[in-house]
Amino acid sequence: LDQQTKELVELHGQRHDLLNELTLALMYMQSGDMEKGEQCLRYAASHVSNTVSEQGLPEDAWMAMVNLKQKEAVARGITFHVHLSYATLEDPAESHLLARLLGNLLDNALEAAADSSKPFVAVACRHGEGYRKLVIGNNGATISPELIQQVRQPGFSTKGGNRGYGLAICQSLAYQMGGYLEIKSNPRTEWTEVSIVMPNPDKATFAPKEG
């Protein structure tokens, strides 16, 4: 990527992360967990001031992010199913990256599903030999095979406008976790899945793949 594109991707990512982190902080505080709320605020402040936070997000931030997006889905009239367990994440160090990643992917899924007559979003975990997979599915508009690779490119969007940075940001975050994104879209079933594929903690990091 050229320098200008890299800076645009970074700015879009920072703005999106900041909004989600502030909303997470509010959610924790409203539930009475002031310590975790303040931790989220400190982490968000580190982005604004370009400093490095000594603490990441809370260890359960990724699950809190799923709960947050589930509430947003209900408010928007979108059916939202969750099939996860806390054990899905075995390395606490992954929590802040995964929370950011899920925030982006779930926002994309909710936006896509909103155009359906019966909007539906699902989050599930799957396990295989040497890997874990978090799958985010929606029944919104599908992606044609020839566009599957293009949607990963910064600035490319099927909806036009100043958009198209979300999946590029997500792909970068997945790489930082030693994993990759897998995208599948089936026009016949009207179903699209974006999966975060991660190595098991006891396995060596595998090379990123495209799919």
N, C-alpha and C. Protein backbone atom coordinates (compact mmCIF):
# COMPACT_ATOMS: atom_id res chain seq x y z
N LEU A 1 0.84 -1.20 0.00
CA LEU A 1 0.00 0.00 0.00
C LEU A 1 0.87 1.25 0.00
N ASP A 2 0.42 2.32 -0.69
CA ASP A 2 1.18 3.55 -0.63
C ASP A 2 0.93 4.22 0.72
N GLN A 3 1.77 5.21 1.04
CA GLN A 3 1.73 5.82 2.36
C GLN A 3 0.39 6.48 2.65
N GLN A 4 -0.17 7.16 1.66
CA GLN A 4 -1.46 7.84 1.88
C GLN A 4 -2.57 6.84 2.19
N THR A 5 -2.58 5.72 1.48
CA THR A 5 -3.59 4.70 1.73
C THR A 5 -3.43 4.11 3.11
N LYS A 6 -2.17 3.85 3.50
CA LYS A 6 -1.91 3.31 4.84
C LYS A 6 -2.42 4.26 5.91
N GLU A 7 -2.20 5.56 5.71
CA GLU A 7 -2.65 6.55 6.70
C GLU A 7 -4.17 6.60 6.76
N LEU A 8 -4.84 6.49 5.61
CA LEU A 8 -6.30 6.48 5.59
C LEU A 8 -6.86 5.26 6.32
N VAL A 9 -6.27 4.10 6.06
CA VAL A 9 -6.69 2.87 6.75
C VAL A 9 -6.53 3.03 8.25
N GLU A 10 -5.39 3.59 8.66
CA GLU A 10 -5.13 3.77 10.09
C GLU A 10 -6.12 4.73 10.72
N LEU A 11 -6.42 5.84 10.04
CA LEU A 11 -7.36 6.82 10.57
C LEU A 11 -8.77 6.25 10.69
N HIS A 12 -9.21 5.53 9.67
CA HIS A 12 -10.53 4.90 9.72
C HIS A 12 -10.59 3.90 10.87
N GLY A 13 -9.53 3.13 11.04
CA GLY A 13 -9.48 2.14 12.11
C GLY A 13 -9.52 2.78 13.48
N GLN A 14 -8.76 3.86 13.66
CA GLN A 14 -8.71 4.54 14.95
C GLN A 14 -10.08 5.12 15.31
N ARG A 15 -10.75 5.73 14.33
CA ARG A 15 -12.06 6.32 14.59
C ARG A 15 -13.06 5.25 15.00
N HIS A 16 -13.09 4.15 14.25
CA HIS A 16 -14.03 3.07 14.54
C HIS A 16 -13.74 2.45 15.90
N ASP A 17 -12.46 2.19 16.19
CA ASP A 17 -12.08 1.60 17.47
C ASP A 17 -12.46 2.51 18.63
N LEU A 18 -12.21 3.81 18.47
CA LEU A 18 -12.50 4.76 19.54
C LEU A 18 -13.98 4.75 19.89
N LEU A 19 -14.84 4.76 18.89
CA LEU A 19 -16.28 4.74 19.15
C LEU A 19 -16.69 3.47 19.89
N ASN A 20 -16.15 2.33 19.46
CA ASN A 20 -16.50 1.07 20.11
C ASN A 20 -15.95 1.00 21.53
N GLU A 21 -14.72 1.51 21.74
CA GLU A 21 -14.12 1.47 23.07
C GLU A 21 -14.88 2.36 24.05
N LEU A 22 -15.31 3.53 23.60
CA LEU A 22 -16.09 4.42 24.46
C LEU A 22 -17.45 3.80 24.80
N THR A 23 -18.05 3.14 23.83
CA THR A 23 -19.34 2.48 24.08
C THR A 23 -19.16 1.31 25.04
N LEU A 24 -18.06 0.56 24.89
CA LEU A 24 -17.76 -0.53 25.83
C LEU A 24 -17.58 0.02 27.24
N ALA A 25 -16.85 1.13 27.36
CA ALA A 25 -16.63 1.73 28.67
C ALA A 25 -17.96 2.08 29.33
N LEU A 26 -18.86 2.69 28.55
CA LEU A 26 -20.17 3.06 29.07
C LEU A 26 -20.95 1.82 29.50
N MET A 27 -20.88 0.76 28.71
CA MET A 27 -21.61 -0.47 29.04
C MET A 27 -21.11 -1.07 30.35
N TYR A 28 -19.77 -1.13 30.50
CA TYR A 28 -19.21 -1.66 31.75
C TYR A 28 -19.67 -0.81 32.95
N MET A 29 -19.61 0.50 32.80
CA MET A 29 -19.96 1.39 33.90
C MET A 29 -21.43 1.29 34.26
N GLN A 30 -22.28 1.17 33.24
CA GLN A 30 -23.72 1.04 33.50
C GLN A 30 -24.04 -0.27 34.22
N SER A 31 -23.19 -1.29 34.01
CA SER A 31 -23.40 -2.56 34.70
C SER A 31 -22.76 -2.58 36.08
N GLY A 32 -22.10 -1.47 36.46
CA GLY A 32 -21.51 -1.36 37.79
C GLY A 32 -20.04 -1.74 37.86
N ASP A 33 -19.44 -2.12 36.74
CA ASP A 33 -18.02 -2.51 36.74
C ASP A 33 -17.19 -1.29 36.35
N MET A 34 -16.98 -0.40 37.33
CA MET A 34 -16.27 0.84 37.07
C MET A 34 -14.82 0.61 36.69
N GLU A 35 -14.20 -0.41 37.28
CA GLU A 35 -12.78 -0.66 37.00
C GLU A 35 -12.55 -0.99 35.52
N LYS A 36 -13.38 -1.87 34.98
CA LYS A 36 -13.22 -2.22 33.56
C LYS A 36 -13.62 -1.06 32.66
N GLY A 37 -14.61 -0.29 33.10
CA GLY A 37 -15.00 0.89 32.33
C GLY A 37 -13.86 1.88 32.23
N GLU A 38 -13.18 2.11 33.36
CA GLU A 38 -12.04 3.03 33.36
C GLU A 38 -10.89 2.47 32.54
N GLN A 39 -10.72 1.15 32.56
CA GLN A 39 -9.67 0.53 31.76
C GLN A 39 -9.91 0.78 30.27
N CYS A 40 -11.17 0.67 29.84
CA CYS A 40 -11.51 0.96 28.44
C CYS A 40 -11.26 2.42 28.10
N LEU A 41 -11.57 3.32 29.03
CA LEU A 41 -11.34 4.74 28.79
C LEU A 41 -9.86 5.05 28.66
N ARG A 42 -9.04 4.43 29.51
CA ARG A 42 -7.59 4.65 29.42
C ARG A 42 -7.06 4.13 28.08
N TYR A 43 -7.57 2.98 27.67
CA TYR A 43 -7.13 2.40 26.40
C TYR A 43 -7.54 3.30 25.24
N ALA A 44 -8.77 3.83 25.30
CA ALA A 44 -9.25 4.73 24.25
C ALA A 44 -8.43 6.02 24.23
N ALA A 45 -8.11 6.53 25.41
CA ALA A 45 -7.32 7.77 25.50
C ALA A 45 -5.93 7.59 24.90
N SER A 46 -5.38 6.39 25.02
CA SER A 46 -4.05 6.14 24.46
C SER A 46 -4.06 6.26 22.94
N HIS A 47 -5.19 5.95 22.30
CA HIS A 47 -5.30 6.09 20.85
C HIS A 47 -5.31 7.56 20.45
N VAL A 48 -6.07 8.36 21.22
CA VAL A 48 -6.20 9.78 20.90
C VAL A 48 -4.87 10.51 21.09
N SER A 49 -4.14 10.14 22.14
CA SER A 49 -2.88 10.83 22.46
C SER A 49 -1.66 10.18 21.83
N ASN A 50 -1.88 9.11 21.05
CA ASN A 50 -0.78 8.39 20.40
C ASN A 50 0.26 7.90 21.40
N THR A 51 -0.21 7.45 22.55
CA THR A 51 0.68 6.85 23.54
C THR A 51 0.37 5.36 23.62
N VAL A 52 1.24 4.64 24.32
CA VAL A 52 1.04 3.20 24.48
C VAL A 52 0.44 2.94 25.85
N SER A 53 -0.72 2.30 25.87
CA SER A 53 -1.37 1.99 27.14
C SER A 53 -0.68 0.82 27.82
N GLU A 54 -0.44 0.96 29.12
CA GLU A 54 0.18 -0.13 29.87
C GLU A 54 -0.77 -1.32 29.97
N GLN A 55 -2.05 -1.05 29.90
CA GLN A 55 -3.07 -2.10 29.94
C GLN A 55 -3.82 -2.14 28.62
N GLY A 56 -4.18 -3.33 28.20
CA GLY A 56 -5.06 -3.44 27.04
C GLY A 56 -6.50 -3.31 27.50
N LEU A 57 -7.41 -3.78 26.70
CA LEU A 57 -8.80 -3.85 27.12
C LEU A 57 -8.97 -4.99 28.11
N PRO A 58 -10.04 -5.02 28.88
CA PRO A 58 -10.28 -6.14 29.81
C PRO A 58 -10.26 -7.48 29.09
N GLU A 59 -9.90 -8.55 29.82
CA GLU A 59 -9.79 -9.87 29.20
C GLU A 59 -11.09 -10.34 28.57
N ASP A 60 -12.21 -9.90 29.11
CA ASP A 60 -13.50 -10.33 28.55
C ASP A 60 -14.06 -9.31 27.55
N ALA A 61 -13.21 -8.39 27.09
CA ALA A 61 -13.70 -7.32 26.21
C ALA A 61 -14.28 -7.86 24.91
N TRP A 62 -13.72 -8.94 24.40
CA TRP A 62 -14.23 -9.48 23.13
C TRP A 62 -15.64 -10.01 23.28
N MET A 63 -15.93 -10.66 24.45
CA MET A 63 -17.29 -11.14 24.69
C MET A 63 -18.23 -9.96 24.97
N ALA A 64 -17.69 -8.95 25.67
CA ALA A 64 -18.49 -7.75 25.93
C ALA A 64 -18.85 -7.06 24.61
N MET A 65 -17.92 -7.10 23.64
CA MET A 65 -18.19 -6.51 22.34
C MET A 65 -19.33 -7.25 21.63
N VAL A 66 -19.33 -8.57 21.72
CA VAL A 66 -20.41 -9.36 21.12
C VAL A 66 -21.74 -8.99 21.78
N ASN A 67 -21.74 -8.89 23.11
CA ASN A 67 -22.97 -8.53 23.83
C ASN A 67 -23.46 -7.13 23.42
N LEU A 68 -22.50 -6.22 23.26
CA LEU A 68 -22.84 -4.86 22.85
C LEU A 68 -23.51 -4.85 21.48
N LYS A 69 -22.92 -5.59 20.54
CA LYS A 69 -23.48 -5.62 19.18
C LYS A 69 -24.82 -6.37 19.14
N GLN A 70 -25.00 -7.32 20.06
CA GLN A 70 -26.28 -8.02 20.14
C GLN A 70 -27.38 -7.04 20.57
N LYS A 71 -27.06 -6.18 21.52
CA LYS A 71 -28.03 -5.17 21.96
C LYS A 71 -28.35 -4.19 20.83
N GLU A 72 -27.32 -3.81 20.09
CA GLU A 72 -27.54 -2.91 18.96
C GLU A 72 -28.44 -3.57 17.91
N ALA A 73 -28.21 -4.88 17.69
CA ALA A 73 -29.02 -5.62 16.71
C ALA A 73 -30.49 -5.64 17.12
N VAL A 74 -30.74 -5.94 18.39
CA VAL A 74 -32.12 -5.99 18.89
C VAL A 74 -32.80 -4.63 18.70
N ALA A 75 -32.06 -3.55 19.00
CA ALA A 75 -32.61 -2.21 18.85
C ALA A 75 -32.96 -1.89 17.40
N ARG A 76 -32.25 -2.55 16.47
CA ARG A 76 -32.48 -2.30 15.04
C ARG A 76 -33.42 -3.34 14.41
N GLY A 77 -33.95 -4.24 15.23
CA GLY A 77 -34.87 -5.25 14.71
C GLY A 77 -34.19 -6.37 13.96
N ILE A 78 -32.93 -6.63 14.28
CA ILE A 78 -32.15 -7.68 13.62
C ILE A 78 -32.01 -8.88 14.56
N THR A 79 -32.40 -10.05 14.10
CA THR A 79 -32.22 -11.27 14.89
C THR A 79 -30.73 -11.58 14.99
N PHE A 80 -30.27 -11.86 16.21
CA PHE A 80 -28.83 -12.02 16.46
C PHE A 80 -28.63 -13.27 17.32
N HIS A 81 -28.03 -14.31 16.75
CA HIS A 81 -27.78 -15.54 17.49
C HIS A 81 -26.30 -15.66 17.84
N VAL A 82 -26.02 -16.11 19.06
CA VAL A 82 -24.64 -16.28 19.52
C VAL A 82 -24.44 -17.72 19.97
N HIS A 83 -23.41 -18.36 19.44
CA HIS A 83 -23.05 -19.71 19.84
C HIS A 83 -21.57 -19.71 20.19
N LEU A 84 -21.26 -19.17 21.37
CA LEU A 84 -19.88 -19.01 21.80
C LEU A 84 -19.73 -19.43 23.25
N SER A 85 -18.50 -19.68 23.64
CA SER A 85 -18.17 -19.88 25.04
C SER A 85 -16.90 -19.11 25.32
N TYR A 86 -16.70 -18.73 26.58
CA TYR A 86 -15.49 -17.97 26.92
C TYR A 86 -14.24 -18.76 26.59
N ALA A 87 -14.34 -20.10 26.62
CA ALA A 87 -13.18 -20.94 26.34
C ALA A 87 -12.69 -20.82 24.90
N THR A 88 -13.52 -20.21 24.05
CA THR A 88 -13.09 -20.01 22.67
C THR A 88 -11.78 -19.25 22.60
N LEU A 89 -11.59 -18.33 23.53
CA LEU A 89 -10.36 -17.53 23.58
C LEU A 89 -9.50 -18.05 24.71
N GLU A 90 -8.41 -18.71 24.36
CA GLU A 90 -7.56 -19.32 25.37
C GLU A 90 -6.35 -18.47 25.72
N ASP A 91 -6.08 -17.44 24.94
CA ASP A 91 -4.94 -16.56 25.19
C ASP A 91 -5.46 -15.16 25.51
N PRO A 92 -5.43 -14.75 26.80
CA PRO A 92 -5.97 -13.44 27.18
C PRO A 92 -5.31 -12.28 26.43
N ALA A 93 -4.07 -12.47 25.98
CA ALA A 93 -3.38 -11.40 25.27
C ALA A 93 -4.07 -11.05 23.95
N GLU A 94 -4.90 -11.96 23.46
CA GLU A 94 -5.60 -11.71 22.20
C GLU A 94 -6.83 -10.82 22.37
N SER A 95 -7.26 -10.59 23.60
CA SER A 95 -8.57 -10.00 23.84
C SER A 95 -8.76 -8.65 23.16
N HIS A 96 -7.79 -7.73 23.31
CA HIS A 96 -8.00 -6.39 22.77
C HIS A 96 -8.02 -6.40 21.25
N LEU A 97 -7.18 -7.25 20.63
CA LEU A 97 -7.20 -7.35 19.17
C LEU A 97 -8.50 -7.96 18.68
N LEU A 98 -8.94 -9.01 19.38
CA LEU A 98 -10.17 -9.69 18.97
C LEU A 98 -11.39 -8.80 19.17
N ALA A 99 -11.39 -8.00 20.23
CA ALA A 99 -12.50 -7.07 20.46
C ALA A 99 -12.60 -6.07 19.32
N ARG A 100 -11.46 -5.54 18.90
CA ARG A 100 -11.45 -4.59 17.78
C ARG A 100 -11.91 -5.26 16.49
N LEU A 101 -11.42 -6.47 16.28
CA LEU A 101 -11.76 -7.23 15.07
C LEU A 101 -13.25 -7.54 15.02
N LEU A 102 -13.79 -8.03 16.13
CA LEU A 102 -15.22 -8.35 16.18
C LEU A 102 -16.08 -7.10 16.03
N GLY A 103 -15.64 -6.00 16.62
CA GLY A 103 -16.39 -4.76 16.50
C GLY A 103 -16.57 -4.36 15.04
N ASN A 104 -15.49 -4.45 14.27
CA ASN A 104 -15.54 -4.12 12.85
C ASN A 104 -16.41 -5.09 12.07
N LEU A 105 -16.17 -6.39 12.25
CA LEU A 105 -16.89 -7.40 11.47
C LEU A 105 -18.38 -7.44 11.80
N LEU A 106 -18.71 -7.28 13.07
CA LEU A 106 -20.13 -7.29 13.45
C LEU A 106 -20.85 -6.05 12.94
N ASP A 107 -20.17 -4.91 12.94
CA ASP A 107 -20.79 -3.71 12.36
C ASP A 107 -21.07 -3.93 10.88
N ASN A 108 -20.11 -4.54 10.17
CA ASN A 108 -20.32 -4.84 8.75
C ASN A 108 -21.51 -5.77 8.55
N ALA A 109 -21.58 -6.82 9.39
CA ALA A 109 -22.66 -7.81 9.26
C ALA A 109 -24.02 -7.18 9.55
N LEU A 110 -24.09 -6.35 10.58
CA LEU A 110 -25.36 -5.69 10.92
C LEU A 110 -25.81 -4.76 9.80
N GLU A 111 -24.86 -4.04 9.23
CA GLU A 111 -25.19 -3.13 8.13
C GLU A 111 -25.70 -3.89 6.92
N ALA A 112 -25.03 -5.01 6.61
CA ALA A 112 -25.45 -5.81 5.45
C ALA A 112 -26.82 -6.44 5.68
N ALA A 113 -27.02 -7.01 6.87
CA ALA A 113 -28.28 -7.71 7.16
C ALA A 113 -29.47 -6.76 7.21
N ALA A 114 -29.21 -5.50 7.56
CA ALA A 114 -30.30 -4.53 7.70
C ALA A 114 -31.11 -4.36 6.42
N ASP A 115 -30.50 -4.68 5.28
CA ASP A 115 -31.20 -4.55 4.00
C ASP A 115 -32.11 -5.74 3.69
N SER A 116 -32.05 -6.79 4.52
CA SER A 116 -32.86 -7.98 4.29
C SER A 116 -34.26 -7.80 4.89
N SER A 117 -35.25 -8.50 4.32
CA SER A 117 -36.62 -8.40 4.85
C SER A 117 -36.73 -9.03 6.24
N LYS A 118 -35.92 -10.06 6.50
CA LYS A 118 -35.86 -10.69 7.82
C LYS A 118 -34.39 -10.76 8.24
N PRO A 119 -33.82 -9.63 8.67
CA PRO A 119 -32.39 -9.56 8.95
C PRO A 119 -31.95 -10.52 10.04
N PHE A 120 -30.81 -11.17 9.79
CA PHE A 120 -30.32 -12.20 10.71
C PHE A 120 -28.80 -12.18 10.72
N VAL A 121 -28.22 -12.20 11.91
CA VAL A 121 -26.76 -12.26 12.08
C VAL A 121 -26.46 -13.35 13.10
N ALA A 122 -25.42 -14.12 12.85
CA ALA A 122 -25.04 -15.19 13.77
C ALA A 122 -23.53 -15.15 14.01
N VAL A 123 -23.15 -15.47 15.25
CA VAL A 123 -21.74 -15.58 15.62
C VAL A 123 -21.54 -16.95 16.24
N ALA A 124 -20.54 -17.67 15.76
CA ALA A 124 -20.32 -19.03 16.27
C ALA A 124 -18.83 -19.34 16.28
N CYS A 125 -18.47 -20.36 17.06
CA CYS A 125 -17.07 -20.81 17.06
C CYS A 125 -17.00 -22.23 16.51
N ARG A 126 -15.95 -22.49 15.77
CA ARG A 126 -15.69 -23.82 15.24
C ARG A 126 -14.24 -24.15 15.51
N HIS A 127 -13.98 -25.44 15.70
CA HIS A 127 -12.62 -25.87 16.00
C HIS A 127 -12.18 -26.93 15.01
N GLY A 128 -10.92 -26.89 14.66
CA GLY A 128 -10.32 -27.91 13.81
C GLY A 128 -8.96 -28.28 14.35
N GLU A 129 -8.28 -29.14 13.66
CA GLU A 129 -6.95 -29.55 14.12
C GLU A 129 -5.96 -28.40 13.95
N GLY A 130 -5.54 -27.84 15.07
CA GLY A 130 -4.55 -26.77 15.04
C GLY A 130 -5.09 -25.37 14.89
N TYR A 131 -6.42 -25.22 14.80
CA TYR A 131 -6.95 -23.87 14.62
C TYR A 131 -8.28 -23.69 15.33
N ARG A 132 -8.62 -22.43 15.56
CA ARG A 132 -9.93 -22.01 16.06
C ARG A 132 -10.50 -21.05 15.04
N LYS A 133 -11.80 -21.04 14.93
CA LYS A 133 -12.45 -20.18 13.94
C LYS A 133 -13.67 -19.51 14.56
N LEU A 134 -13.70 -18.18 14.50
CA LEU A 134 -14.89 -17.42 14.89
C LEU A 134 -15.59 -16.98 13.62
N VAL A 135 -16.84 -17.37 13.48
CA VAL A 135 -17.57 -17.15 12.23
C VAL A 135 -18.68 -16.12 12.45
N ILE A 136 -18.70 -15.08 11.62
CA ILE A 136 -19.75 -14.07 11.66
C ILE A 136 -20.53 -14.17 10.35
N GLY A 137 -21.80 -14.55 10.44
CA GLY A 137 -22.62 -14.72 9.24
C GLY A 137 -23.79 -13.76 9.20
N ASN A 138 -24.24 -13.43 7.99
CA ASN A 138 -25.42 -12.58 7.85
C ASN A 138 -26.15 -12.91 6.56
N ASN A 139 -27.45 -12.57 6.52
CA ASN A 139 -28.27 -12.87 5.35
C ASN A 139 -28.55 -11.64 4.50
N GLY A 140 -27.61 -10.71 4.51
CA GLY A 140 -27.73 -9.53 3.66
C GLY A 140 -27.29 -9.82 2.24
N ALA A 141 -27.03 -8.77 1.48
CA ALA A 141 -26.59 -8.93 0.10
C ALA A 141 -25.30 -9.74 0.04
N THR A 142 -25.24 -10.70 -0.87
CA THR A 142 -24.05 -11.54 -0.99
C THR A 142 -22.99 -10.86 -1.86
N ILE A 143 -21.80 -11.44 -1.82
CA ILE A 143 -20.65 -10.90 -2.57
C ILE A 143 -20.35 -11.85 -3.72
N SER A 144 -20.29 -11.33 -4.92
CA SER A 144 -20.01 -12.19 -6.08
C SER A 144 -18.59 -12.73 -6.01
N PRO A 145 -18.34 -13.92 -6.57
CA PRO A 145 -17.01 -14.54 -6.51
C PRO A 145 -15.90 -13.64 -7.01
N GLU A 146 -16.17 -12.86 -8.06
CA GLU A 146 -15.11 -12.02 -8.61
C GLU A 146 -14.77 -10.83 -7.71
N LEU A 147 -15.62 -10.54 -6.73
CA LEU A 147 -15.37 -9.42 -5.82
C LEU A 147 -14.82 -9.85 -4.47
N ILE A 148 -14.77 -11.16 -4.21
CA ILE A 148 -14.32 -11.65 -2.90
C ILE A 148 -12.94 -11.11 -2.54
N GLN A 149 -12.00 -11.14 -3.48
CA GLN A 149 -10.66 -10.64 -3.20
C GLN A 149 -10.63 -9.12 -3.18
N GLN A 150 -11.43 -8.48 -4.03
CA GLN A 150 -11.41 -7.02 -4.10
C GLN A 150 -11.91 -6.35 -2.83
N VAL A 151 -12.86 -6.98 -2.14
CA VAL A 151 -13.42 -6.34 -0.94
C VAL A 151 -12.38 -6.21 0.17
N ARG A 152 -11.26 -6.92 0.05
CA ARG A 152 -10.19 -6.81 1.04
C ARG A 152 -9.31 -5.58 0.79
N GLN A 153 -9.42 -4.99 -0.38
CA GLN A 153 -8.53 -3.90 -0.75
C GLN A 153 -9.00 -2.59 -0.13
N PRO A 154 -8.08 -1.82 0.47
CA PRO A 154 -8.46 -0.54 1.10
C PRO A 154 -9.15 0.39 0.11
N GLY A 155 -10.30 0.93 0.51
CA GLY A 155 -11.01 1.88 -0.32
C GLY A 155 -12.03 1.26 -1.25
N PHE A 156 -11.99 -0.07 -1.43
CA PHE A 156 -12.96 -0.71 -2.31
C PHE A 156 -14.25 -1.00 -1.54
N SER A 157 -15.38 -0.60 -2.11
CA SER A 157 -16.67 -0.85 -1.48
C SER A 157 -17.73 -1.06 -2.55
N THR A 158 -18.62 -2.00 -2.29
CA THR A 158 -19.74 -2.22 -3.22
C THR A 158 -20.82 -1.17 -3.03
N LYS A 159 -20.70 -0.34 -1.98
CA LYS A 159 -21.72 0.66 -1.68
C LYS A 159 -21.29 2.08 -2.03
N GLY A 160 -20.04 2.23 -2.48
CA GLY A 160 -19.56 3.54 -2.89
C GLY A 160 -19.32 4.46 -1.70
N GLY A 161 -18.97 5.72 -1.99
CA GLY A 161 -18.74 6.68 -0.93
C GLY A 161 -17.39 6.49 -0.27
N ASN A 162 -17.19 7.20 0.83
CA ASN A 162 -15.92 7.14 1.56
C ASN A 162 -15.91 5.95 2.50
N ARG A 163 -15.88 4.75 1.89
CA ARG A 163 -16.02 3.53 2.66
C ARG A 163 -14.96 2.55 2.18
N GLY A 164 -15.12 1.28 2.58
CA GLY A 164 -14.27 0.25 2.03
C GLY A 164 -12.95 0.04 2.75
N TYR A 165 -12.87 0.48 4.02
CA TYR A 165 -11.63 0.29 4.76
C TYR A 165 -11.77 -0.77 5.85
N GLY A 166 -13.01 -1.16 6.15
CA GLY A 166 -13.26 -2.08 7.26
C GLY A 166 -12.56 -3.42 7.15
N LEU A 167 -12.71 -4.09 5.99
CA LEU A 167 -12.11 -5.41 5.84
C LEU A 167 -10.59 -5.35 5.77
N ALA A 168 -10.05 -4.27 5.20
CA ALA A 168 -8.59 -4.10 5.18
C ALA A 168 -8.05 -3.98 6.60
N ILE A 169 -8.78 -3.24 7.44
CA ILE A 169 -8.39 -3.11 8.84
C ILE A 169 -8.49 -4.46 9.55
N CYS A 170 -9.59 -5.17 9.31
CA CYS A 170 -9.79 -6.47 9.94
C CYS A 170 -8.72 -7.47 9.52
N GLN A 171 -8.35 -7.44 8.26
CA GLN A 171 -7.33 -8.35 7.78
C GLN A 171 -6.00 -8.09 8.48
N SER A 172 -5.67 -6.81 8.67
CA SER A 172 -4.44 -6.44 9.38
C SER A 172 -4.47 -6.93 10.82
N LEU A 173 -5.62 -6.76 11.50
CA LEU A 173 -5.74 -7.22 12.89
C LEU A 173 -5.62 -8.73 12.98
N ALA A 174 -6.23 -9.44 12.03
CA ALA A 174 -6.14 -10.90 12.02
C ALA A 174 -4.70 -11.36 11.86
N TYR A 175 -3.95 -10.69 10.99
CA TYR A 175 -2.54 -11.03 10.79
C TYR A 175 -1.75 -10.82 12.08
N GLN A 176 -2.09 -9.75 12.83
CA GLN A 176 -1.40 -9.48 14.09
C GLN A 176 -1.64 -10.59 15.11
N MET A 177 -2.76 -11.29 14.97
CA MET A 177 -3.07 -12.40 15.87
C MET A 177 -2.49 -13.71 15.36
N GLY A 178 -1.77 -13.65 14.24
CA GLY A 178 -1.20 -14.86 13.66
C GLY A 178 -2.20 -15.64 12.84
N GLY A 179 -3.32 -15.01 12.49
CA GLY A 179 -4.35 -15.70 11.73
C GLY A 179 -4.65 -15.02 10.42
N TYR A 180 -5.86 -15.22 9.91
CA TYR A 180 -6.28 -14.62 8.65
C TYR A 180 -7.80 -14.60 8.57
N LEU A 181 -8.31 -13.87 7.59
CA LEU A 181 -9.75 -13.81 7.35
C LEU A 181 -10.12 -14.76 6.22
N GLU A 182 -11.24 -15.41 6.38
CA GLU A 182 -11.78 -16.30 5.35
C GLU A 182 -13.18 -15.78 5.00
N ILE A 183 -13.42 -15.52 3.73
CA ILE A 183 -14.70 -14.95 3.31
C ILE A 183 -15.41 -15.91 2.37
N LYS A 184 -16.66 -16.23 2.71
CA LYS A 184 -17.48 -17.10 1.87
C LYS A 184 -18.85 -16.44 1.68
N SER A 185 -19.36 -16.47 0.46
CA SER A 185 -20.65 -15.86 0.19
C SER A 185 -21.39 -16.69 -0.85
N ASN A 186 -22.62 -17.08 -0.52
CA ASN A 186 -23.39 -17.97 -1.38
C ASN A 186 -24.71 -17.31 -1.80
N PRO A 187 -24.81 -16.88 -3.06
CA PRO A 187 -26.05 -16.23 -3.52
C PRO A 187 -27.27 -17.14 -3.44
N ARG A 188 -27.08 -18.46 -3.61
CA ARG A 188 -28.22 -19.39 -3.58
C ARG A 188 -28.86 -19.45 -2.20
N THR A 189 -28.03 -19.47 -1.17
CA THR A 189 -28.56 -19.53 0.19
C THR A 189 -28.71 -18.15 0.82
N GLU A 190 -28.27 -17.12 0.09
CA GLU A 190 -28.32 -15.74 0.59
C GLU A 190 -27.63 -15.64 1.95
N TRP A 191 -26.41 -16.13 2.00
CA TRP A 191 -25.67 -16.17 3.26
C TRP A 191 -24.20 -15.84 3.03
N THR A 192 -23.68 -14.95 3.85
CA THR A 192 -22.27 -14.57 3.77
C THR A 192 -21.61 -14.80 5.13
N GLU A 193 -20.43 -15.40 5.12
CA GLU A 193 -19.67 -15.63 6.35
C GLU A 193 -18.28 -15.02 6.21
N VAL A 194 -17.87 -14.32 7.25
CA VAL A 194 -16.49 -13.88 7.38
C VAL A 194 -15.95 -14.53 8.65
N SER A 195 -14.91 -15.32 8.50
CA SER A 195 -14.36 -16.07 9.63
C SER A 195 -12.99 -15.54 10.03
N ILE A 196 -12.77 -15.48 11.33
CA ILE A 196 -11.45 -15.17 11.88
C ILE A 196 -10.81 -16.51 12.21
N VAL A 197 -9.82 -16.90 11.45
CA VAL A 197 -9.16 -18.19 11.65
C VAL A 197 -7.86 -17.95 12.42
N MET A 198 -7.74 -18.58 13.59
CA MET A 198 -6.58 -18.37 14.46
C MET A 198 -5.95 -19.71 14.83
N PRO A 199 -4.63 -19.74 14.97
CA PRO A 199 -3.98 -20.97 15.41
C PRO A 199 -4.30 -21.22 16.88
N ASN A 200 -4.37 -22.49 17.28
CA ASN A 200 -4.49 -22.79 18.69
C ASN A 200 -3.25 -22.30 19.42
N PRO A 201 -3.37 -21.90 20.70
CA PRO A 201 -2.23 -21.35 21.42
C PRO A 201 -1.02 -22.28 21.46
N ASP A 202 -1.24 -23.59 21.40
CA ASP A 202 -0.12 -24.53 21.49
C ASP A 202 0.45 -24.87 20.12
N LYS A 203 -0.03 -24.19 19.06
CA LYS A 203 0.45 -24.46 17.71
C LYS A 203 1.27 -23.28 17.21
N ALA A 204 2.19 -23.55 16.34
CA ALA A 204 2.97 -22.48 15.73
C ALA A 204 2.06 -21.64 14.84
N THR A 205 2.37 -20.35 14.76
CA THR A 205 1.58 -19.47 13.89
C THR A 205 1.67 -19.94 12.45
N PHE A 206 0.52 -20.01 11.80
CA PHE A 206 0.56 -20.45 10.41
C PHE A 206 0.50 -19.26 9.47
N ALA A 207 0.93 -19.47 8.26
CA ALA A 207 0.99 -18.39 7.29
C ALA A 207 -0.41 -17.94 6.91
N PRO A 208 -0.65 -16.63 6.79
CA PRO A 208 -1.96 -16.13 6.37
C PRO A 208 -2.36 -16.69 5.02
N LYS A 209 -3.65 -16.98 4.89
CA LYS A 209 -4.19 -17.48 3.63
C LYS A 209 -5.26 -16.53 3.14
N GLU A 210 -5.61 -16.67 1.92
CA GLU A 210 -6.70 -15.89 1.34
C GLU A 210 -7.85 -16.85 1.08
N GLY A 211 -9.09 -16.42 1.34
CA GLY A 211 -10.22 -17.28 1.06
C GLY A 211 -11.52 -16.57 1.22
